Protein backbone atom coordinates (compact mmCIF):
# COMPACT_ATOMS: atom_id res chain seq x y z
CA UNK A 1 41.80 -100.84 -22.68
CA UNK A 2 43.06 -103.51 -20.32
CA UNK A 3 42.31 -107.06 -21.33
CA UNK A 4 40.61 -109.65 -19.16
CA UNK A 5 43.95 -111.22 -18.28
CA UNK A 6 45.29 -108.05 -16.72
CA UNK A 7 42.04 -107.19 -14.97
CA UNK A 8 41.54 -110.35 -12.93
CA UNK A 9 43.68 -111.78 -10.14
CA UNK A 10 43.68 -115.46 -11.09
CA UNK A 11 44.71 -114.91 -14.69
CA UNK A 12 48.20 -116.14 -15.47
CA UNK A 13 48.55 -118.05 -12.19
CA UNK A 14 49.50 -121.75 -12.19
CA UNK A 15 46.08 -122.62 -10.76
CA UNK A 16 44.17 -120.60 -13.34
CA UNK A 17 46.28 -120.59 -16.49
CA UNK A 18 43.94 -119.06 -19.05
CA UNK A 19 46.26 -119.82 -21.95
CA UNK A 20 45.51 -123.54 -21.70
CA UNK A 21 45.50 -125.10 -25.16
CA UNK A 22 42.32 -127.01 -26.00
CA UNK A 23 42.60 -130.39 -27.69
CA UNK A 24 40.13 -133.10 -28.62
CA UNK A 25 40.17 -136.85 -28.02
CA UNK A 26 37.21 -138.90 -26.82
CA UNK A 27 39.33 -141.42 -24.91
CA UNK A 28 41.34 -138.79 -23.04
CA UNK A 29 38.24 -136.83 -22.03
CA UNK A 30 36.26 -139.70 -20.51
CA UNK A 31 34.79 -138.52 -17.19
CA UNK A 32 35.85 -139.95 -13.81
CA UNK A 33 33.15 -141.94 -12.03
CA UNK A 34 32.75 -139.18 -9.43
CA UNK A 35 31.62 -136.69 -12.08
CA UNK A 36 29.23 -139.19 -13.60
CA UNK A 37 27.64 -139.74 -10.18
CA UNK A 38 27.37 -135.99 -9.52
CA UNK A 39 25.77 -135.35 -12.91
CA UNK A 40 23.40 -138.32 -12.95
CA UNK A 41 20.35 -136.57 -11.38
CA UNK A 42 20.82 -133.44 -13.55
CA UNK A 43 20.41 -135.18 -16.95
CA UNK A 44 23.61 -133.46 -18.11
CA UNK A 45 26.11 -135.85 -19.66
CA UNK A 46 29.74 -135.42 -20.53
CA UNK A 47 30.39 -135.65 -24.28
CA UNK A 48 26.71 -136.41 -24.88
CA UNK A 49 24.66 -135.45 -27.93
CA UNK A 50 22.09 -133.04 -26.43
CA UNK A 51 22.70 -129.28 -26.66
CA UNK A 52 22.96 -128.93 -22.86
CA UNK A 53 25.53 -131.74 -22.53
CA UNK A 54 29.10 -130.80 -21.60
CA UNK A 55 31.77 -131.29 -24.25
CA UNK A 56 35.17 -131.79 -22.62
CA UNK A 57 38.10 -130.57 -24.77
CA UNK A 58 40.83 -131.06 -22.16
CA UNK A 59 40.63 -133.53 -19.25
CA UNK A 60 42.34 -131.06 -16.91
CA UNK A 61 38.84 -129.69 -16.26
CA UNK A 62 38.21 -132.56 -13.83
CA UNK A 63 41.26 -131.88 -11.64
CA UNK A 64 40.67 -128.11 -11.71
CA UNK A 65 37.05 -128.51 -10.67
CA UNK A 66 37.82 -130.95 -7.86
CA UNK A 67 40.58 -128.69 -6.58
CA UNK A 68 38.90 -125.29 -6.90
CA UNK A 69 35.16 -125.99 -7.17
CA UNK A 70 33.14 -123.46 -9.16
CA UNK A 71 36.24 -121.28 -9.61
CA UNK A 72 38.07 -124.12 -11.35
CA UNK A 73 35.05 -124.99 -13.49
CA UNK A 74 34.69 -121.40 -14.67
CA UNK A 75 38.38 -120.91 -15.32
CA UNK A 76 38.47 -124.14 -17.30
CA UNK A 77 35.61 -122.83 -19.46
CA UNK A 78 37.42 -119.53 -20.04
CA UNK A 79 40.48 -121.53 -21.10
CA UNK A 80 38.45 -123.52 -23.63
CA UNK A 81 38.79 -126.82 -21.73
CA UNK A 82 35.04 -127.50 -22.01
CA UNK A 83 31.99 -126.17 -23.78
CA UNK A 84 28.24 -126.53 -24.17
CA UNK A 85 26.04 -125.64 -27.12
CA UNK A 86 23.32 -124.41 -24.72
CA UNK A 87 25.28 -123.18 -21.73
CA UNK A 88 22.32 -121.48 -20.05
CA UNK A 89 20.34 -124.72 -20.01
CA UNK A 90 23.37 -126.65 -18.77
CA UNK A 91 23.51 -124.39 -15.74
CA UNK A 92 19.76 -124.46 -15.21
CA UNK A 93 19.92 -128.25 -14.95
CA UNK A 94 23.00 -128.26 -12.73
CA UNK A 95 21.67 -125.61 -10.35
CA UNK A 96 18.22 -127.17 -10.16
CA UNK A 97 20.00 -129.96 -8.29
CA UNK A 98 22.34 -127.60 -6.35
CA UNK A 99 25.44 -129.01 -8.03
CA UNK A 100 27.30 -125.79 -7.21
CA UNK A 101 27.13 -126.71 -3.52
CA UNK A 102 28.26 -130.26 -4.22
CA UNK A 103 31.27 -129.06 -6.23
CA UNK A 104 32.35 -126.58 -3.59
CA UNK A 105 32.08 -129.22 -0.89
CA UNK A 106 34.15 -131.59 -3.04
CA UNK A 107 36.85 -128.90 -3.20
CA UNK A 108 37.17 -128.94 0.59
CA UNK A 109 40.36 -126.89 1.00
CA UNK A 110 39.30 -124.16 -1.43
CA UNK A 111 35.83 -123.99 0.14
CA UNK A 112 37.26 -123.83 3.67
CA UNK A 113 39.65 -120.99 2.80
CA UNK A 114 36.87 -119.02 1.13
CA UNK A 115 34.58 -119.58 4.13
CA UNK A 116 37.32 -118.53 6.56
CA UNK A 117 38.02 -115.32 4.61
CA UNK A 118 34.36 -114.37 4.77
CA UNK A 119 34.35 -114.97 8.53
CA UNK A 120 37.50 -112.97 9.30
CA UNK A 121 37.18 -110.02 6.92
CA UNK A 122 34.44 -107.48 6.24
CA UNK A 123 34.76 -107.77 2.48
CA UNK A 124 32.33 -104.92 1.86
CA UNK A 125 33.91 -102.43 4.26
CA UNK A 126 34.17 -98.73 3.48
CA UNK A 127 37.78 -99.25 2.35
CA UNK A 128 36.66 -101.88 -0.19
CA UNK A 129 33.49 -100.10 -1.32
CA UNK A 130 34.88 -98.93 -4.66
CA UNK A 131 36.51 -102.24 -5.68
CA UNK A 132 33.47 -103.55 -7.58
CA UNK A 133 33.15 -100.23 -9.40
CA UNK A 134 36.74 -100.35 -10.54
CA UNK A 135 36.77 -104.02 -11.53
CA UNK A 136 33.30 -104.49 -12.99
CA UNK A 137 31.35 -101.33 -13.76
CA UNK A 138 34.43 -99.45 -15.02
CA UNK A 139 35.56 -102.08 -17.56
CA UNK A 140 34.23 -99.96 -20.41
CA UNK A 141 31.00 -98.14 -21.15
CA UNK A 142 31.21 -99.51 -24.70
CA UNK A 143 30.34 -103.00 -23.40
CA UNK A 144 27.36 -101.74 -21.44
CA UNK A 145 26.09 -99.44 -24.21
CA UNK A 146 26.14 -102.41 -26.59
CA UNK A 147 24.57 -104.91 -24.17
CA UNK A 148 21.90 -102.87 -22.41
CA UNK A 149 18.71 -101.18 -23.61
CA UNK A 150 18.60 -97.41 -24.31
CA UNK A 151 17.87 -96.62 -20.63
CA UNK A 152 21.08 -98.55 -19.75
CA UNK A 153 19.24 -100.45 -17.01
CA UNK A 154 21.61 -103.12 -15.65
CA UNK A 155 19.00 -105.02 -13.65
CA UNK A 156 16.03 -107.31 -14.20
CA UNK A 157 13.36 -106.15 -16.64
CA UNK A 158 9.62 -106.64 -16.03
CA UNK A 159 8.33 -108.89 -18.82
CA UNK A 160 4.67 -109.38 -17.86
CA UNK A 161 3.39 -107.37 -20.84
CA UNK A 162 6.70 -106.83 -22.66
CA UNK A 163 8.07 -108.49 -25.79
CA UNK A 164 11.40 -106.64 -26.11
CA UNK A 165 14.21 -105.75 -23.73
CA UNK A 166 13.47 -102.04 -24.03
CA UNK A 167 9.78 -102.58 -23.22
CA UNK A 168 10.68 -104.76 -20.22
CA UNK A 169 13.10 -102.17 -18.80
CA UNK A 170 10.70 -99.28 -19.28
CA UNK A 171 8.00 -101.38 -17.59
CA UNK A 172 10.39 -101.99 -14.66
CA UNK A 173 11.12 -98.27 -14.32
CA UNK A 174 7.39 -97.47 -14.40
CA UNK A 175 6.60 -100.23 -11.91
CA UNK A 176 9.26 -98.87 -9.57
CA UNK A 177 8.02 -95.28 -9.79
CA UNK A 178 4.41 -96.29 -9.23
CA UNK A 179 5.30 -98.43 -6.21
CA UNK A 180 7.13 -95.42 -4.76
CA UNK A 181 4.08 -93.22 -5.36
CA UNK A 182 6.30 -90.50 -6.79
CA UNK A 183 4.87 -86.99 -7.06
CA UNK A 184 6.24 -83.59 -8.16
CA UNK A 185 8.35 -81.83 -5.58
CA UNK A 186 9.57 -84.93 -3.81
CA UNK A 187 13.26 -85.58 -3.22
CA UNK A 188 14.45 -89.07 -4.29
CA UNK A 189 17.71 -90.76 -3.23
CA UNK A 190 18.90 -93.38 -5.74
CA UNK A 191 21.43 -95.65 -4.01
CA UNK A 192 23.44 -97.35 -6.76
CA UNK A 193 22.13 -95.20 -9.61
CA UNK A 194 24.10 -96.91 -12.38
CA UNK A 195 24.09 -94.94 -15.61
CA UNK A 196 21.14 -92.83 -14.47
CA UNK A 197 18.26 -94.66 -16.14
CA UNK A 198 15.85 -94.61 -13.19
CA UNK A 199 16.97 -91.14 -12.06
CA UNK A 200 16.29 -89.68 -15.52
CA UNK A 201 12.93 -91.46 -15.84
CA UNK A 202 11.74 -90.35 -12.40
CA UNK A 203 12.82 -86.73 -12.91
CA UNK A 204 11.44 -86.48 -16.43
CA UNK A 205 8.09 -88.19 -15.93
CA UNK A 206 7.32 -87.63 -12.23
CA UNK A 207 8.82 -84.21 -11.53
CA UNK A 208 11.03 -85.31 -8.64
CA UNK A 209 14.48 -84.04 -7.68
CA UNK A 210 17.04 -86.90 -7.61
CA UNK A 211 20.37 -87.47 -5.92
CA UNK A 212 22.03 -90.56 -7.38
CA UNK A 213 25.12 -92.20 -5.90
CA UNK A 214 27.44 -94.82 -7.39
CA UNK A 215 30.88 -96.30 -6.63
CA UNK A 216 31.76 -96.42 -10.36
CA UNK A 217 33.65 -93.47 -11.83
CA UNK A 218 32.58 -94.28 -15.39
CA UNK A 219 28.96 -94.68 -14.37
CA UNK A 220 29.04 -91.31 -12.61
CA UNK A 221 30.54 -89.59 -15.65
CA UNK A 222 28.04 -91.03 -18.13
CA UNK A 223 25.04 -90.68 -15.80
CA UNK A 224 25.89 -87.00 -15.32
CA UNK A 225 26.01 -86.52 -19.08
CA UNK A 226 22.73 -88.40 -19.65
CA UNK A 227 20.92 -86.41 -16.93
CA UNK A 228 22.48 -83.04 -17.80
CA UNK A 229 19.22 -81.13 -18.40
CA UNK A 230 17.29 -82.70 -15.52
CA UNK A 231 17.10 -81.99 -11.75
CA UNK A 232 19.47 -84.89 -11.09
CA UNK A 233 22.67 -84.72 -9.04
CA UNK A 234 25.03 -87.68 -9.54
CA UNK A 235 27.68 -88.31 -6.88
CA UNK A 236 30.64 -90.75 -6.73
CA UNK A 237 29.91 -91.82 -3.17
CA UNK A 238 29.61 -94.76 -0.79
CA UNK A 239 26.15 -95.09 0.79
CA UNK A 240 27.64 -94.71 4.28
CA UNK A 241 28.64 -91.13 3.47
CA UNK A 242 25.18 -89.94 2.39
CA UNK A 243 24.15 -88.34 5.73
CA UNK A 244 27.35 -86.29 5.96
CA UNK A 245 28.10 -85.51 2.31
CA UNK A 246 24.62 -85.14 0.81
CA UNK A 247 22.58 -83.97 3.78
CA UNK A 248 18.89 -83.35 4.18
CA UNK A 249 16.08 -85.86 4.09
CA UNK A 250 14.31 -87.65 1.26
CA UNK A 251 10.63 -88.44 0.79
CA UNK A 252 11.62 -91.45 -1.30
CA UNK A 253 14.61 -93.81 -1.54
CA UNK A 254 15.26 -96.40 -4.25
CA UNK A 255 18.05 -98.93 -4.61
CA UNK A 256 18.11 -101.14 -7.70
CA UNK A 257 20.70 -103.91 -8.03
CA UNK A 258 23.08 -102.46 -5.44
CA UNK A 259 22.20 -104.37 -2.27
CA UNK A 260 24.10 -107.40 -3.62
CA UNK A 261 27.31 -105.44 -2.89
CA UNK A 262 26.47 -104.51 0.72
CA UNK A 263 27.32 -107.75 2.56
CA UNK A 264 25.60 -109.33 5.57
CA UNK A 265 27.88 -107.62 8.08
CA UNK A 266 26.74 -104.24 6.77
CA UNK A 267 23.00 -104.80 6.31
CA UNK A 268 22.07 -103.11 9.56
CA UNK A 269 24.33 -100.11 8.79
CA UNK A 270 22.80 -99.87 5.31
CA UNK A 271 19.24 -99.81 6.62
CA UNK A 272 20.21 -97.45 9.43
CA UNK A 273 21.51 -94.94 6.85
CA UNK A 274 18.30 -95.25 4.85
CA UNK A 275 16.16 -94.85 7.96
CA UNK A 276 18.16 -91.79 9.02
CA UNK A 277 17.65 -89.88 5.75
CA UNK A 278 14.06 -91.00 4.96
CA UNK A 279 11.20 -88.77 6.09
CA UNK A 280 8.72 -90.17 8.61
CA UNK A 281 6.05 -90.70 5.95
CA UNK A 282 8.49 -91.77 3.21
CA UNK A 283 8.82 -94.94 1.13
CA UNK A 284 11.93 -96.97 0.32
CA UNK A 285 11.99 -99.47 -2.58
CA UNK A 286 14.70 -102.12 -2.42
CA UNK A 287 15.25 -104.10 -5.64
CA UNK A 288 17.69 -107.00 -5.17
CA UNK A 289 18.65 -110.43 -6.39
CA UNK A 290 17.85 -113.03 -3.73
CA UNK A 291 18.95 -116.57 -2.99
CA UNK A 292 16.33 -119.23 -2.32
CA UNK A 293 18.43 -120.43 0.63
CA UNK A 294 20.89 -118.77 2.99
CA UNK A 295 24.49 -119.27 1.88
CA UNK A 296 27.51 -118.28 3.91
CA UNK A 297 29.70 -117.49 0.88
CA UNK A 298 29.36 -116.21 -2.65
CA UNK A 299 30.20 -118.16 -5.79
CA UNK A 300 34.01 -118.19 -6.03
CA UNK A 301 34.22 -117.72 -9.82
CA UNK A 302 31.78 -114.80 -9.74
CA UNK A 303 33.74 -113.29 -6.86
CA UNK A 304 37.04 -113.56 -8.74
CA UNK A 305 35.94 -112.40 -12.18
CA UNK A 306 32.63 -110.51 -12.11
CA UNK A 307 31.45 -109.06 -8.79
CA UNK A 308 34.30 -108.95 -6.23
CA UNK A 309 33.08 -108.99 -2.64
CA UNK A 310 29.48 -109.60 -3.65
CA UNK A 311 26.91 -111.45 -1.57
CA UNK A 312 23.39 -112.46 -2.63
CA UNK A 313 21.04 -112.16 0.35
CA UNK A 314 18.40 -114.62 1.46
CA UNK A 315 14.94 -113.63 2.66
CA UNK A 316 15.92 -114.55 6.22
CA UNK A 317 19.00 -112.30 6.14
CA UNK A 318 17.02 -109.32 4.83
CA UNK A 319 14.16 -109.81 7.28
CA UNK A 320 16.52 -110.05 10.23
CA UNK A 321 18.23 -106.77 9.30
CA UNK A 322 14.89 -104.99 8.75
CA UNK A 323 13.49 -105.91 12.16
CA UNK A 324 13.02 -102.80 14.28
CA UNK A 325 14.01 -100.55 11.36
CA UNK A 326 11.40 -100.84 8.61
CA UNK A 327 8.04 -102.44 7.99
CA UNK A 328 7.64 -104.49 4.79
CA UNK A 329 4.67 -102.95 2.97
CA UNK A 330 5.09 -105.17 -0.08
CA UNK A 331 7.39 -108.04 -1.18
CA UNK A 332 7.23 -108.86 -4.89
CA UNK A 333 9.17 -111.70 -6.55
CA UNK A 334 9.58 -111.69 -10.32
CA UNK A 335 12.76 -113.76 -10.49
CA UNK A 336 11.77 -115.68 -13.66
CA UNK A 337 11.94 -112.35 -15.53
CA UNK A 338 15.71 -112.24 -15.07
CA UNK A 339 16.17 -115.23 -17.41
CA UNK A 340 14.91 -113.43 -20.56
CA UNK A 341 16.67 -110.24 -19.45
CA UNK A 342 20.04 -111.97 -19.30
CA UNK A 343 19.54 -113.82 -22.57
CA UNK A 344 18.60 -110.54 -24.28
CA UNK A 345 21.81 -108.98 -22.92
CA UNK A 346 23.78 -111.93 -24.29
CA UNK A 347 22.23 -111.61 -27.75
CA UNK A 348 23.06 -107.91 -27.87
CA UNK A 349 26.61 -108.42 -26.57
CA UNK A 350 27.26 -111.27 -29.00
CA UNK A 351 25.95 -109.23 -31.95
CA UNK A 352 28.20 -106.31 -30.98
CA UNK A 353 31.32 -108.44 -30.44
CA UNK A 354 32.87 -107.74 -33.89
CA UNK A 355 33.00 -104.04 -32.94
CA UNK A 356 34.07 -104.68 -29.33
CA UNK A 357 36.83 -107.21 -29.90
CA UNK A 358 39.37 -104.53 -30.76
CA UNK A 359 39.29 -103.50 -27.08
CA UNK A 360 38.88 -106.93 -25.45
CA UNK A 361 40.35 -110.38 -26.04
CA UNK A 362 38.76 -113.78 -26.62
CA UNK A 363 39.17 -114.77 -22.96
CA UNK A 364 37.01 -111.78 -22.04
CA UNK A 365 34.38 -112.97 -24.54
CA UNK A 366 34.25 -116.44 -22.97
CA UNK A 367 34.22 -114.94 -19.47
CA UNK A 368 31.29 -112.67 -20.32
CA UNK A 369 29.42 -115.49 -22.06
CA UNK A 370 29.90 -117.73 -19.03
CA UNK A 371 28.71 -114.96 -16.68
CA UNK A 372 25.50 -114.20 -18.60
CA UNK A 373 24.57 -117.83 -19.34
CA UNK A 374 25.36 -119.11 -15.84
CA UNK A 375 23.29 -116.26 -14.41
CA UNK A 376 20.36 -117.10 -16.70
CA UNK A 377 20.58 -120.72 -15.52
CA UNK A 378 20.64 -119.53 -11.90
CA UNK A 379 17.26 -117.83 -12.32
CA UNK A 380 15.78 -120.52 -14.56
CA UNK A 381 16.55 -123.08 -11.87
CA UNK A 382 14.59 -120.94 -9.37
CA UNK A 383 17.61 -120.89 -7.06
CA UNK A 384 17.83 -117.22 -8.00
CA UNK A 385 15.07 -114.80 -7.06
CA UNK A 386 14.42 -111.14 -7.86
CA UNK A 387 12.72 -109.17 -5.13
CA UNK A 388 11.26 -105.69 -4.90
CA UNK A 389 10.46 -104.71 -1.32
CA UNK A 390 8.57 -101.55 -0.44
CA UNK A 391 9.63 -100.43 3.02
CA UNK A 392 8.33 -97.76 5.39
CA UNK A 393 8.72 -96.57 8.96
CA UNK A 394 5.99 -97.39 11.47
CA UNK A 395 5.28 -93.67 11.65
CA UNK A 396 3.95 -93.64 8.08
CA UNK A 397 0.17 -93.14 8.26
CA UNK A 398 -2.42 -95.16 6.37
CA UNK A 399 -2.25 -98.39 4.39
CA UNK A 400 -0.01 -99.01 1.41
CA UNK A 401 -1.72 -100.28 -1.74
CA UNK A 402 0.39 -102.88 -3.61
CA UNK A 403 1.17 -102.30 -7.29
CA UNK A 404 1.90 -104.94 -9.93
């Protein structure tokens, strides 16, 4: 098993040396005035006494953050240069005041280069489609088996009536199937099928035939095994190849937690593919993380270490791409439910770490902790949204009845 250092491009570089030795010293870790001004409205203090306060172990965190923005801040955390007893709440307070934007603007050169790359390159092109599978979803099924619920749903649970992660994920699967109005004999396309949780649930409980596609080799292998006795066909395939390599039409389409990898330049192509393979009276459910505002770039640390080439859409970006292609029958936001989902994943991952650490190093542990806690803070701050859209062609007869 490759370690985090060998998996990620910034590891071992002068700018992101993850072997940085942590050391204490209150005088040497006193914050520059700029950081104090940035943090003042967030009620997060440096070396304060509250659990969400930042504890600086090495003052290099200031220079790294000013130079590289959120990338530098995250790499400094992975290196042990700073910590927080309640990291999720630290991020909730920072993001509530959009400190991520302020930090990236402070790191002008890094921000400008990242912006320019997004303008010049289609980072989610067909040639790059499998990168996120290789670098994130293929890291090891042992991590995901330990962290996720028994359905292996790697997306937001639905906690309205749930008290456990498993209940929340089963409720999400049921909610999705009911919104799609699934019925025996229908053909369902699952774009970004993960480890087959929704495909198995829909086939087993609703009698539909499912074709699931993923860009992760390990997901495809395990999903095939988990759906072995069901009418489910799992393919290692980019969504753009569905019309040619799968063929036929589908009464229903679902896509859960995959749209974040499509990219703005490809939204119209994505919806055109879905429109092409959906029957005239069909339904398409799109489940995606959303951003409360339109942002031209993705978070640089997340891009480097977690989801390469990702892009969280805004409502405006989705609506623009849908115009003339699909009607929005229903738009449901349950973004606050992602906070408890992520914290449940963290608790399960942390509990399993003694068994996992033989395959991963301590830098990976801090990287994964940072990822899950920062993400929880993103949703707790309400900057992050979670949307389920039910889409249909204008040719679909009758009215759609919303389900909650």
